[in-house]
Protein backbone atom coordinates (compact mmCIF):
# COMPACT_ATOMS: atom_id res chain seq x y z
CA MET A 1 0.00 0.00 0.00
CA LYS A 2 2.86 2.28 0.90
CA LYS A 3 4.28 1.65 -2.56
CA ILE A 4 0.97 2.37 -4.32
CA ILE A 5 0.37 5.79 -2.73
CA PRO A 6 3.38 7.53 -4.34
CA VAL A 7 2.35 6.12 -7.69
CA LEU A 8 -1.19 7.42 -7.25
CA ILE A 9 0.13 10.82 -6.22
CA ALA A 10 2.36 10.90 -9.28
CA ILE A 11 -0.54 9.96 -11.53
CA VAL A 12 -2.72 12.65 -9.97
CA LEU A 13 0.04 15.22 -10.38
CA ILE A 14 0.44 14.24 -14.03
CA ILE A 15 -3.31 14.57 -14.56
CA VAL A 16 -3.36 17.95 -12.79
CA VAL A 17 -0.42 19.24 -14.84
CA ALA A 18 -2.03 17.95 -18.02
CA ALA A 19 -5.32 19.54 -17.07
CA VAL A 20 -3.63 22.84 -16.30
CA GLY A 21 -1.78 22.68 -19.59
CA PHE A 22 -4.92 21.81 -21.50
CA GLY A 23 -6.83 24.53 -19.66
CA SER A 24 -4.14 27.04 -20.48
CA LYS A 25 -4.40 26.15 -24.14
CA ILE A 26 -8.16 26.46 -23.94
CA MET A 27 -7.81 29.80 -22.18
CA GLU A 28 -5.23 30.96 -24.70
CA LYS A 29 -7.46 29.94 -27.59
CA TYR A 30 -10.59 31.62 -26.31
CA SER A 31 -9.19 34.60 -24.39
CA TYR A 32 -9.20 38.11 -25.91
CA SER A 33 -5.85 39.58 -26.90
CA LYS A 34 -4.80 42.62 -24.89
CA GLU A 35 -2.15 43.68 -27.42
CA ARG A 36 -2.66 47.18 -28.75
CA ALA A 37 -1.80 48.12 -32.31
CA ASP A 38 0.94 50.59 -33.17
CA LEU A 39 -1.31 53.47 -34.22
CA ALA A 40 1.43 55.32 -36.05
CA GLU A 41 1.90 52.22 -38.17
CA TYR A 42 -1.86 51.69 -38.52
CA PHE A 43 -2.41 55.22 -39.86
CA GLY A 44 0.88 55.34 -41.77
CA ILE A 45 2.06 58.45 -39.91
CA MET A 46 5.35 59.77 -41.24
CA GLY A 47 6.35 62.41 -38.71
CA SER A 48 5.03 64.66 -35.99
CA ASP A 49 3.48 67.08 -38.52
CA ASP A 50 1.89 64.33 -40.64
CA VAL A 51 -1.93 63.99 -40.69
CA PRO A 52 -3.47 60.92 -42.36
CA ILE A 53 -6.81 61.56 -44.06
CA ILE A 54 -9.97 59.50 -43.81
CA LEU A 55 -12.13 60.62 -46.72
CA GLN A 56 -15.71 59.45 -46.30
CA ASP A 57 -15.09 55.92 -44.95
CA GLU A 58 -11.66 55.15 -46.40
CA ARG A 59 -8.13 56.18 -45.58
CA ILE A 60 -6.59 57.71 -48.70
CA GLU A 61 -2.95 57.79 -49.74
CA GLU A 62 -2.69 61.57 -49.48
CA HIS A 63 -1.85 63.12 -46.10
CA ALA A 64 -2.30 66.62 -44.69
CA LYS A 65 0.23 68.57 -42.64
CA LEU A 66 -0.16 70.28 -39.26
CA TRP A 67 1.96 73.38 -38.73
CA ASP A 68 1.45 75.89 -35.92
CA GLY A 69 -1.89 74.28 -35.14
CA VAL A 70 -3.12 74.83 -38.71
CA CYS A 71 -3.98 71.98 -41.07
CA TYR A 72 -2.72 72.21 -44.67
CA PHE A 73 -3.32 70.25 -47.89
CA ASP A 74 -0.82 70.10 -50.70
CA TYR A 75 -1.92 71.73 -53.95
CA ALA A 76 -2.43 68.41 -55.78
CA THR A 77 -4.74 67.16 -53.02
CA VAL A 78 -6.77 70.37 -53.17
CA HIS A 79 -7.24 69.90 -56.90
CA LYS A 80 -8.00 66.19 -56.71
CA TYR A 81 -10.55 66.16 -53.91
CA PHE A 82 -11.89 69.66 -53.30
CA ASN A 83 -11.67 72.23 -56.09
CA ASP A 84 -9.34 72.44 -59.08
CA ARG A 85 -10.15 76.10 -59.67
CA PHE A 86 -7.33 77.21 -57.38
CA TYR A 87 -4.38 78.38 -59.45
CA GLU A 88 -0.74 78.50 -58.38
CA ASP A 89 1.28 81.23 -60.06
CA LYS A 90 4.81 79.89 -59.61
CA LYS A 91 6.37 82.81 -61.46
CA GLU A 92 4.97 85.50 -59.18
CA GLY A 93 4.34 83.55 -55.98
CA LEU A 94 0.56 83.89 -55.91
CA LEU A 95 -2.41 81.67 -55.19
CA LEU A 96 -5.50 82.69 -57.17
CA TYR A 97 -9.15 81.73 -57.38
CA ALA A 98 -11.44 83.09 -60.10
CA LEU A 99 -14.95 83.89 -58.93
CA PRO A 100 -17.63 84.85 -61.49
CA ASP A 101 -17.07 88.57 -60.94
CA LYS A 102 -13.64 88.97 -59.33
CA ILE A 103 -10.34 87.28 -58.60
CA VAL A 104 -9.30 86.08 -55.17
CA SER A 105 -5.54 86.53 -54.69
CA THR A 106 -3.06 85.91 -51.90
CA GLU A 107 0.70 86.15 -51.89
CA ILE A 108 2.15 82.80 -50.90
CA GLY A 109 3.45 83.08 -47.33
CA SER A 110 0.98 85.86 -46.46
CA GLN A 111 -1.98 86.07 -44.10
CA THR A 112 -3.77 88.60 -46.31
CA VAL A 113 -6.18 87.85 -49.15
CA ALA A 114 -7.59 90.24 -51.74
CA VAL A 115 -11.04 89.60 -53.19
CA GLY A 116 -11.21 92.00 -56.08
CA ALA A 117 -10.34 95.41 -54.61
CA ASP A 118 -11.09 94.40 -51.00
CA SER A 119 -8.46 92.91 -48.69
CA SER A 120 -8.81 91.06 -45.41
CA GLY A 121 -6.60 89.06 -43.07
CA ARG A 122 -6.60 85.56 -41.65
CA ASP A 123 -5.05 84.45 -38.36
CA TYR A 124 -2.91 81.89 -40.19
CA VAL A 125 -0.60 81.75 -43.20
CA ILE A 126 -2.95 81.02 -46.09
CA ALA A 127 -0.51 79.23 -48.39
CA ARG A 128 3.11 78.23 -47.94
CA TYR A 129 5.88 76.32 -49.63
CA GLU A 130 7.68 73.36 -48.13
CA GLY A 131 10.49 72.72 -50.57
CA ASP A 132 8.86 73.16 -53.97
CA ILE A 133 5.44 71.88 -52.85
CA LEU A 134 2.66 74.38 -52.26
CA TYR A 135 0.40 73.80 -49.24
CA VAL A 136 -2.91 75.59 -48.69
CA ALA A 137 -4.64 75.96 -45.32
CA ALA A 138 -7.67 73.68 -45.03
CA ASP A 139 -9.78 76.50 -43.60
CA PHE A 140 -9.02 78.68 -46.63
CA VAL A 141 -9.80 75.87 -49.07
CA LYS A 142 -13.07 75.39 -47.20
CA GLU A 143 -14.11 78.94 -48.09
CA TYR A 144 -14.21 77.86 -51.75
CA ALA A 145 -15.09 74.17 -51.58
CA ASN A 146 -17.91 72.06 -50.20
CA PHE A 147 -16.50 69.81 -47.47
CA SER A 148 -16.25 69.41 -43.71
CA TYR A 149 -13.39 68.16 -41.61
CA ASP A 150 -12.56 67.17 -38.04
CA LEU A 151 -9.00 66.98 -36.75
CA TYR A 152 -7.97 64.47 -34.06
CA ASN A 153 -4.75 63.92 -32.15
CA ALA A 154 -3.14 61.03 -30.26
CA PRO A 155 -2.35 60.24 -32.99
CA ASN A 156 -2.90 62.95 -35.62
CA HIS A 157 -5.55 62.07 -38.19
CA MET A 158 -8.51 63.81 -39.79
CA GLN A 159 -11.98 62.92 -41.04
CA ILE A 160 -13.22 64.64 -44.20
CA TYR A 161 -16.65 64.51 -45.77
CA THR A 162 -17.42 65.79 -49.27
CA GLU A 163 -20.69 63.85 -49.53
CA TRP A 164 -23.46 63.32 -47.00
CA ASN A 165 -25.29 60.21 -48.13
CA GLU A 166 -27.46 57.95 -46.00
CA ARG A 167 -25.45 55.58 -43.80
CA GLN A 168 -26.06 52.75 -41.33
CA THR A 169 -25.31 53.34 -37.66
CA ALA A 170 -25.37 51.22 -34.51
CA THR A 171 -25.03 51.75 -30.76
CA ILE A 172 -22.42 50.04 -28.54
CA THR A 173 -24.20 47.97 -25.84
CA LYS A 174 -21.18 47.32 -23.58
CA ASP A 175 -17.67 48.70 -23.20
CA THR A 176 -15.49 46.88 -25.72
CA GLU A 177 -12.57 47.21 -28.11
CA VAL A 178 -12.34 48.01 -31.82
CA ARG A 179 -9.85 45.58 -33.32
CA TYR A 180 -7.68 45.82 -36.40
CA GLN A 181 -9.28 42.71 -37.89
CA GLY A 182 -12.32 40.58 -37.10
CA GLY A 183 -11.06 38.22 -34.41
CA ILE A 184 -10.37 38.16 -30.68
CA LYS A 185 -6.64 37.74 -31.29
CA SER A 186 -6.38 40.82 -33.47
CA ASP A 187 -4.68 43.90 -32.00
CA ILE A 188 -6.80 46.58 -30.37
CA LEU A 189 -7.07 49.90 -32.21
CA THR A 190 -9.18 51.84 -29.74
CA ASP A 191 -11.85 51.49 -27.06
CA VAL A 192 -15.54 52.22 -27.40
CA PHE A 193 -17.98 52.52 -24.57
CA GLU A 194 -21.60 51.75 -23.86
CA GLY A 195 -23.83 54.24 -25.64
CA ASP A 196 -21.22 55.24 -28.25
CA LYS A 197 -22.48 55.40 -31.82
CA VAL A 198 -20.52 53.83 -34.69
CA ILE A 199 -21.00 53.80 -38.46
CA VAL A 200 -21.59 50.32 -39.85
CA LEU A 201 -19.44 49.65 -42.91
CA GLU A 202 -19.69 45.88 -43.42
CA GLU A 203 -21.52 43.15 -41.53
CA MET A 204 -20.14 39.60 -41.23
CA GLU A 205 -21.16 36.49 -39.34
CA THR A 206 -19.80 37.40 -35.89
CA TRP A 207 -17.96 40.70 -36.48
CA THR A 208 -18.87 44.01 -38.07
CA LYS A 209 -16.55 46.53 -39.69
CA VAL A 210 -17.27 49.93 -38.16
CA LYS A 211 -15.97 53.48 -38.03
CA THR A 212 -15.87 55.24 -34.67
CA GLU A 213 -16.85 58.82 -34.03
CA ASP A 214 -13.14 59.75 -34.05
CA ALA A 215 -12.51 57.96 -37.38
CA PHE A 216 -10.93 54.66 -36.37
CA ILE A 217 -11.91 51.93 -38.82
CA GLY A 218 -11.87 48.40 -37.39
CA TYR A 219 -14.00 45.52 -36.17
CA VAL A 220 -16.43 45.02 -33.27
CA GLU A 221 -18.24 41.83 -32.27
CA ASN A 222 -21.83 41.76 -33.45
CA LYS A 223 -23.06 41.03 -29.93
CA ARG A 224 -21.83 44.47 -28.84
CA LEU A 225 -24.04 46.30 -31.37
CA SER A 226 -27.70 47.23 -31.19
CA GLU A 227 -30.19 49.83 -32.42
CA LYS A 228 -29.04 49.64 -36.02
CA SER A 229 -30.67 52.31 -38.13
CA ALA A 230 -30.29 54.45 -41.26
CA GLU A 231 -29.17 58.02 -40.80
CA THR A 232 -28.56 60.94 -43.20
CA PRO A 233 -25.94 63.36 -41.87
CA SER A 234 -26.37 67.11 -42.17
CA PRO A 235 -24.39 68.56 -45.08
CA VAL A 236 -22.23 71.67 -44.96
CA SER A 237 -24.49 74.70 -44.82
CA ASP A 238 -21.99 77.57 -44.95
CA TYR A 239 -20.87 77.10 -48.56
CA VAL A 240 -22.65 78.35 -51.68
CA GLU A 241 -21.46 77.17 -55.08
CA PRO A 242 -20.69 80.21 -57.30
CA VAL A 243 -22.81 80.61 -60.43
CA TYR A 244 -20.91 81.55 -63.59
CA GLU A 245 -23.65 83.18 -65.64
CA SER A 246 -23.39 82.58 -69.38
CA ASN A 247 -24.04 84.98 -72.22
CA THR A 248 -25.44 82.40 -74.62
CA ARG A 249 -27.95 83.20 -77.35
CA ASP A 250 -31.52 81.93 -77.58
CA HIS A 251 -30.95 80.76 -81.16
CA LYS A 252 -28.50 78.53 -82.99
CA ILE A 253 -25.17 80.10 -83.74
CA ASN A 254 -23.92 80.04 -87.33
CA LEU A 255 -20.38 81.38 -87.12
CA ALA A 256 -18.17 81.81 -90.15
CA TRP A 257 -14.46 82.51 -89.78
CA HIS A 258 -13.20 85.24 -92.07
CA ALA A 259 -9.45 84.83 -92.64
CA VAL A 260 -7.97 88.34 -92.50
CA GLY A 261 -4.22 88.34 -93.01
CA SER A 262 -3.75 92.10 -93.33
CA ALA A 263 -5.69 95.31 -92.93
CA ALA A 264 -6.65 95.09 -96.61
CA GLY A 265 -8.38 91.77 -95.91
CA ASN A 266 -11.14 93.64 -94.10
CA ASP A 267 -12.31 95.00 -97.44
CA THR A 268 -13.30 91.50 -98.59
CA LEU A 269 -16.19 91.16 -96.12
CA ALA A 270 -18.96 91.98 -98.60
CA GLU A 271 -17.43 89.70 -101.23
CA MET A 272 -17.12 86.81 -98.78
CA MET A 273 -20.70 87.23 -97.56
CA ALA A 274 -22.21 87.59 -101.04
CA GLY A 275 -23.62 84.09 -101.53
CA SER A 276 -24.06 83.13 -97.88
CA LYS A 277 -27.24 82.42 -95.94
CA SER A 278 -28.14 82.26 -92.25
CA ILE A 279 -24.76 83.44 -90.92
CA ASN A 280 -25.33 85.38 -87.70
CA VAL A 281 -21.74 85.63 -86.40
CA ILE A 282 -18.63 86.65 -88.29
CA SER A 283 -15.23 85.94 -86.72
CA PRO A 284 -12.41 87.86 -88.38
CA THR A 285 -8.92 86.55 -87.60
CA TRP A 286 -7.76 89.91 -86.33
CA PHE A 287 -5.57 89.36 -83.31
CA ALA A 288 -2.40 87.34 -82.79
CA LEU A 289 -0.05 87.19 -79.79
CA SER A 290 3.05 89.15 -80.73
CA ASP A 291 5.44 88.65 -77.79
CA ASN A 292 5.78 87.02 -74.39
CA GLU A 293 4.57 90.13 -72.56
CA GLY A 294 0.90 89.74 -73.47
CA ASN A 295 0.82 92.11 -76.44
CA PHE A 296 -0.93 91.28 -79.72
CA THR A 297 -1.17 92.54 -83.27
CA SER A 298 -4.50 93.79 -84.56
CA PHE A 299 -6.21 94.32 -87.91
CA ALA A 300 -9.42 95.58 -86.28
CA THR A 301 -11.27 98.51 -87.84
CA GLN A 302 -14.44 100.27 -86.76
CA ASP A 303 -15.66 100.33 -90.36
CA TYR A 304 -15.62 96.51 -90.52
CA VAL A 305 -17.65 96.20 -87.33
CA THR A 306 -20.15 98.80 -88.51
CA ARG A 307 -20.60 97.05 -91.86
CA ALA A 308 -21.00 93.66 -90.17
CA HIS A 309 -23.58 95.04 -87.75
CA ASP A 310 -25.45 96.57 -90.66
CA MET A 311 -25.59 93.08 -92.20
CA GLY A 312 -27.15 91.75 -88.98
CA LEU A 313 -23.96 90.01 -87.92
CA GLU A 314 -22.34 89.83 -84.52
CA VAL A 315 -18.56 90.18 -84.57
CA TRP A 316 -16.57 87.72 -82.43
CA ALA A 317 -12.97 88.63 -83.22
CA LEU A 318 -10.44 85.80 -83.10
CA VAL A 319 -7.11 85.88 -81.27
CA ASP A 320 -4.52 83.18 -81.96
CA ASN A 321 -1.23 82.02 -80.48
CA PHE A 322 0.39 80.59 -83.62
CA THR A 323 0.69 83.35 -86.23
CA ASN A 324 3.86 84.65 -84.58
CA GLN A 325 6.03 81.58 -84.06
CA ASP A 326 8.40 83.28 -81.60
CA VAL A 327 5.68 83.57 -78.94
CA ASP A 328 5.86 81.12 -76.03
CA THR A 329 2.27 80.59 -74.91
CA TYR A 330 3.35 79.30 -71.51
CA GLU A 331 5.38 82.45 -70.84
CA VAL A 332 2.43 84.65 -71.75
CA LEU A 333 -0.16 82.81 -69.68
CA ALA A 334 1.78 81.45 -66.68
CA GLY A 335 2.47 84.85 -65.13
CA THR A 336 -0.40 86.84 -63.62
CA SER A 337 1.04 90.15 -64.83
CA THR A 338 1.36 89.13 -68.49
CA ARG A 339 -1.95 87.27 -68.42
CA SER A 340 -3.68 90.34 -66.97
CA HIS A 341 -2.01 92.58 -69.55
CA LEU A 342 -3.32 90.41 -72.38
CA ILE A 343 -6.83 90.33 -70.90
CA SER A 344 -6.90 94.09 -70.39
CA GLY A 345 -5.75 94.64 -73.98
CA LEU A 346 -8.40 92.33 -75.41
CA ILE A 347 -11.21 93.86 -73.36
CA ASP A 348 -10.13 97.43 -74.09
CA THR A 349 -10.01 96.63 -77.80
CA ALA A 350 -13.37 94.86 -77.73
CA LEU A 351 -14.98 97.86 -76.04
CA ALA A 352 -13.26 100.37 -78.32
CA TYR A 353 -14.53 98.64 -81.48
CA ASP A 354 -17.91 97.56 -80.11
CA LEU A 355 -17.15 93.87 -80.56
CA ASP A 356 -19.85 91.40 -79.60
CA GLY A 357 -17.48 88.60 -78.71
CA ILE A 358 -13.93 87.27 -78.47
CA ASN A 359 -12.95 83.92 -79.96
CA ILE A 360 -9.87 82.29 -78.42
CA ASP A 361 -7.99 80.06 -80.85
CA PHE A 362 -4.95 78.88 -78.89
CA GLU A 363 -3.60 75.68 -80.39
CA ASN A 364 -0.84 73.19 -79.56
CA ILE A 365 -1.03 74.04 -75.87
CA SER A 366 1.76 72.18 -74.08
CA LEU A 367 1.01 70.14 -70.96
CA ASP A 368 2.71 72.66 -68.68
CA ALA A 369 0.65 75.48 -70.22
CA GLY A 370 -2.65 73.66 -69.65
CA GLU A 371 -3.40 75.13 -66.21
CA PRO A 372 -2.32 78.67 -67.19
CA PHE A 373 -4.50 78.44 -70.32
CA VAL A 374 -7.58 77.43 -68.33
CA GLU A 375 -6.85 80.15 -65.76
CA PHE A 376 -6.63 82.65 -68.63
CA ILE A 377 -10.10 81.60 -69.81
CA ARG A 378 -11.47 81.90 -66.26
CA GLU A 379 -10.02 85.37 -65.76
CA LEU A 380 -10.99 86.60 -69.24
CA SER A 381 -14.55 85.46 -68.59
CA ILE A 382 -14.89 87.94 -65.70
CA PRO A 383 -14.73 91.20 -67.73
CA CYS A 384 -16.51 89.49 -70.64
CA ARG A 385 -19.37 88.65 -68.27
CA GLU A 386 -19.35 92.20 -66.89
CA HIS A 387 -19.52 93.86 -70.33
CA GLY A 388 -21.76 91.35 -72.11
CA ILE A 389 -19.00 90.18 -74.44
CA VAL A 390 -19.44 86.60 -75.68
CA LEU A 391 -16.43 84.40 -74.90
CA SER A 392 -15.92 81.38 -77.16
CA VAL A 393 -13.00 78.96 -77.09
CA ASP A 394 -11.79 76.75 -79.96
CA ASN A 395 -10.81 73.18 -79.12
CA TYR A 396 -9.51 70.17 -80.95
CA VAL A 397 -11.78 67.13 -81.15
CA PRO A 398 -11.41 65.61 -77.65
CA MET A 399 -8.55 63.13 -77.51
CA GLY A 400 -6.68 61.83 -74.48
CA TYR A 401 -3.67 64.02 -75.20
CA THR A 402 -5.77 67.21 -75.02
CA ASP A 403 -7.40 66.59 -71.63
CA HIS A 404 -5.34 69.45 -70.19
CA TYR A 405 -7.55 71.88 -72.15
CA ASN A 406 -10.15 71.09 -69.43
CA ARG A 407 -13.26 71.45 -71.57
CA ARG A 408 -15.46 70.85 -68.52
CA GLU A 409 -14.14 74.02 -66.88
CA GLN A 410 -14.35 75.91 -70.16
CA GLY A 411 -18.00 74.89 -70.33
CA ILE A 412 -18.60 76.45 -66.91
CA VAL A 413 -16.84 79.79 -67.33
CA ALA A 414 -16.99 80.45 -71.09
CA ASP A 415 -20.12 81.03 -73.16
CA TYR A 416 -19.36 78.65 -76.04
CA VAL A 417 -16.96 75.77 -76.55
CA ILE A 418 -16.23 75.30 -80.26
CA VAL A 419 -15.11 71.88 -81.49
CA MET A 420 -12.80 72.14 -84.48
CA GLY A 421 -14.35 69.11 -86.14
CA TYR A 422 -11.70 68.72 -88.82
CA ASP A 423 -8.01 67.94 -89.34
CA GLU A 424 -8.60 64.26 -88.63
CA HIS A 425 -5.93 63.90 -91.31
CA TYR A 426 -3.80 66.99 -91.82
CA SER A 427 -0.79 68.17 -93.80
CA GLY A 428 1.67 66.27 -91.61
CA SER A 429 -0.28 63.01 -91.46
CA ALA A 430 1.66 59.85 -92.25
CA THR A 431 -1.29 58.33 -94.10
CA ALA A 432 -3.92 59.72 -96.43
CA GLY A 433 -7.45 60.05 -95.11
CA SER A 434 -10.53 62.11 -94.55
CA VAL A 435 -10.36 65.60 -93.09
CA ALA A 436 -13.54 64.88 -91.11
CA SER A 437 -15.07 61.41 -91.30
CA ILE A 438 -18.48 61.00 -89.70
CA ASP A 439 -17.22 58.89 -86.78
CA PHE A 440 -14.55 61.49 -86.06
CA VAL A 441 -17.15 64.26 -86.05
CA GLU A 442 -19.66 62.36 -83.93
CA ASN A 443 -17.01 61.36 -81.39
CA GLY A 444 -15.97 65.00 -81.13
CA VAL A 445 -19.52 66.20 -80.52
CA ALA A 446 -20.48 63.35 -78.19
CA ASN A 447 -17.34 63.59 -76.06
CA THR A 448 -17.68 67.35 -75.77
CA VAL A 449 -21.36 67.21 -74.85
CA ALA A 450 -20.39 64.73 -72.13
CA GLN A 451 -18.36 67.53 -70.52
CA VAL A 452 -20.07 70.73 -71.65
CA PRO A 453 -23.79 71.66 -71.72
CA ALA A 454 -25.04 70.92 -75.24
CA GLU A 455 -26.41 74.44 -75.73
CA LYS A 456 -22.87 75.78 -75.23
CA VAL A 457 -21.28 73.49 -77.83
CA ILE A 458 -20.65 74.59 -81.42
CA ASN A 459 -19.21 72.17 -83.94
CA ALA A 460 -17.02 73.60 -86.71
CA ILE A 461 -17.18 71.98 -90.14
CA PRO A 462 -14.58 72.18 -92.93
CA PHE A 463 -15.16 73.95 -96.21
CA TYR A 464 -11.96 72.37 -97.54
CA THR A 465 -10.81 69.04 -98.91
CA ARG A 466 -7.33 67.55 -99.04
CA ILE A 467 -6.00 66.10 -102.28
CA TRP A 468 -3.61 63.34 -101.28
CA GLU A 469 -0.65 62.00 -103.20
CA THR A 470 1.13 58.84 -102.12
CA LYS A 471 4.39 58.12 -103.92
CA GLY A 472 6.24 55.16 -102.49
CA THR A 473 6.46 55.86 -98.76
CA THR A 474 6.01 59.62 -99.16
CA VAL A 475 2.58 61.06 -98.39
CA SER A 476 1.70 64.68 -99.11
CA SER A 477 -1.44 66.73 -99.55
CA GLN A 478 -2.82 70.13 -100.42
CA ALA A 479 -5.93 71.75 -98.98
CA VAL A 480 -8.37 73.20 -101.48
CA GLY A 481 -11.82 74.71 -101.29
CA MET A 482 -14.99 72.97 -102.45
CA GLU A 483 -14.99 74.45 -105.94
CA LEU A 484 -11.37 73.57 -106.64
CA ALA A 485 -11.90 70.05 -105.31
CA GLN A 486 -14.79 69.51 -107.73
CA GLN A 487 -12.73 71.00 -110.54
CA TYR A 488 -9.91 68.58 -109.72
CA ILE A 489 -12.34 65.63 -109.93
CA THR A 490 -13.60 66.81 -113.30
CA ASP A 491 -10.18 67.62 -114.76
CA HIS A 492 -8.83 64.16 -113.91
CA GLY A 493 -11.91 62.22 -114.91
CA ILE A 494 -12.31 60.72 -111.44
CA THR A 495 -15.48 58.78 -110.68
CA THR A 496 -16.51 59.25 -107.07
CA VAL A 497 -18.47 56.77 -104.97
CA TRP A 498 -20.23 57.23 -101.66
CA ASP A 499 -18.12 55.83 -98.82
CA GLU A 500 -20.37 54.66 -95.99
CA GLN A 501 -17.50 54.54 -93.51
CA THR A 502 -16.62 58.23 -93.81
CA CYS A 503 -19.99 59.41 -95.21
CA GLN A 504 -18.19 61.23 -98.00
CA ASN A 505 -17.87 60.98 -101.74
CA TYR A 506 -14.52 59.33 -102.40
CA GLY A 507 -12.36 59.26 -105.53
CA GLU A 508 -8.95 57.95 -106.51
CA TYR A 509 -6.69 57.49 -109.50
CA GLN A 510 -3.18 56.37 -110.40
CA SER A 511 -0.77 58.44 -112.44
CA GLY A 512 2.67 56.98 -112.93
CA ASP A 513 4.19 56.25 -109.51
CA SER A 514 1.69 58.51 -107.75
CA TYR A 515 -1.58 57.40 -106.18
CA TYR A 516 -4.12 60.19 -105.63
CA GLN A 517 -7.07 60.11 -103.22
CA VAL A 518 -9.82 62.57 -102.40
CA TRP A 519 -12.47 62.47 -99.65
CA LEU A 520 -14.77 65.29 -100.69
CA GLU A 521 -16.40 67.84 -98.43
CA ASP A 522 -19.59 68.76 -100.27
CA GLU A 523 -23.33 69.12 -99.76
CA ASP A 524 -23.69 65.40 -99.08
CA SER A 525 -20.97 65.14 -96.44
CA ILE A 526 -21.93 68.39 -94.73
CA ARG A 527 -25.60 67.34 -94.52
CA VAL A 528 -24.67 64.15 -92.65
CA LYS A 529 -22.47 66.12 -90.23
CA LEU A 530 -25.28 68.58 -89.56
CA ASN A 531 -27.68 65.70 -88.88
CA ILE A 532 -25.30 64.42 -86.21
CA MET A 533 -25.12 67.89 -84.67
CA ASP A 534 -28.92 68.10 -84.67
CA LYS A 535 -29.05 64.68 -82.97
CA TYR A 536 -27.07 66.02 -79.99
CA GLY A 537 -28.97 69.30 -79.79
CA ILE A 538 -25.88 71.48 -79.70
CA GLY A 539 -25.74 75.27 -79.85
CA GLY A 540 -24.77 75.71 -83.48
CA VAL A 541 -22.30 75.39 -86.30
CA ALA A 542 -19.12 77.15 -87.40
CA GLU A 543 -17.31 77.01 -90.73
CA TRP A 544 -13.64 77.19 -91.66
CA LYS A 545 -13.43 79.22 -93.72
CA LEU A 546 -15.33 81.79 -95.78
CA GLY A 547 -14.26 81.71 -99.43
CA PHE A 548 -13.69 77.94 -99.54
CA GLU A 549 -17.38 77.07 -99.94
CA VAL A 550 -19.74 76.83 -102.89
CA ASP A 551 -22.95 78.85 -102.65
CA SER A 552 -25.16 75.76 -102.62
CA ILE A 553 -23.70 74.64 -99.28
CA TRP A 554 -25.54 77.48 -97.57
CA ASP A 555 -28.93 75.95 -98.38
CA VAL A 556 -27.90 72.82 -96.46
CA ILE A 557 -26.63 74.86 -93.50
CA GLU A 558 -29.65 77.16 -93.50
CA GLU A 559 -31.95 74.16 -93.20
CA TYR A 560 -30.05 73.03 -90.08
CA VAL A 561 -29.97 76.49 -88.52
CA ASN A 562 -33.70 76.99 -88.98
CA LYS A 563 -34.72 73.63 -87.46
């Protein structure tokens, strides 16, 4: 018996140890982790001045900065999420914002802002550089953008709302933890307490993804949630979107460009208009940038305007950036001083000659000149709006490489956006082809109407045809008017056929080593283009250029204008 007792004790001890071990494993498996997450790592904080951003219900890659108790966004973030109408003048150290009737301006590094002629101060630096990156105070951005924000510390992070849609909420029933992932072993992000309200983001079997009132996004057990309901938050009420009133007409525009290459060209107006019908706007090519200081040459005369008005025509004078090849468009537009000088000159000239409108024909805008160009249109629209001068802007058919022309913004601040619905194939093209096939034209109209109100869109049609010659690998062409194109067909005995793909009459012939092709612009092709324009309900038609047409084309155009 004495020998059995130690054995029994040993067995009991083994069982106890095993039970304790098993119990520990059970406890370990089912106990809640007390480990707390590294919040700097969770938010991706990169320094004491760094402020991660939760936009709506997601943490975005962009961060704000906190300097001297003031929150700042970098310029790219302002444009991407809040308002891309802010303009950074790097040449003169200014931050600008164009309102419908005045320009908001602050010197970078200053606490003072000018709104038109009135100045006022802020109790913070409005905009500042860190290295070569511009930062703008969130409170200043908020004056001109529709959003709300809350800033939190320990650690720094901020919640931003730009939309206030209905959301699901729930109430915490018992003090608990919000965990990084859905599981009791996941690290703790923060604590929530009985009665706290959370936003429900995603419900699962036993856990729910939530966002706390101080913008922590994590997981809470379903059993800790109750009183789930839908809620619509109150939107920002202290911001009013500015209205950029337009000076559009209550009828279709029929604008014809009159190419005036010298003062003597003004005398051809009556001749050019002789066989026309239904034209209500004439656009003489009068102005061209002449230097990088914002000056321009002019062929304007009062006599021309008076004669045009007597014919019942409005005069929208054109200004271009390509006649004088030495001009650097970026240099003219990027600086506020030169941009303002150009605008003042155009407005003064328009008022002096009683012009009805200004037509901006700036082509081959480089990527770096895109923002300055759009800012120029914004700022020019202000005095145009004040004086009742129509502002129209010529644009290529929308392609990915011309997105920096920002047609959407043009459609807000300008009166008309004109699509140059031609030059699908041009003098430098590597292959022969149509100047304006029907798909090209329709894509141009459709893509513009997707960005600009239809009543503000004008589509320009070509009065010219290209005669193409392909000789070996060399492709060349010459642009001719409608009459000369028909004469060419006749002189060379070319039989034309209707091409359904381009919706044009097409002809070709071989002569020696040269292969000639012609896609005609005539009554048939123009009628189909006008039908497309009517389909989209746009604001009118323009023609390049007077003198290249045949008289019969005006009957086709008049029918469209009078619909």
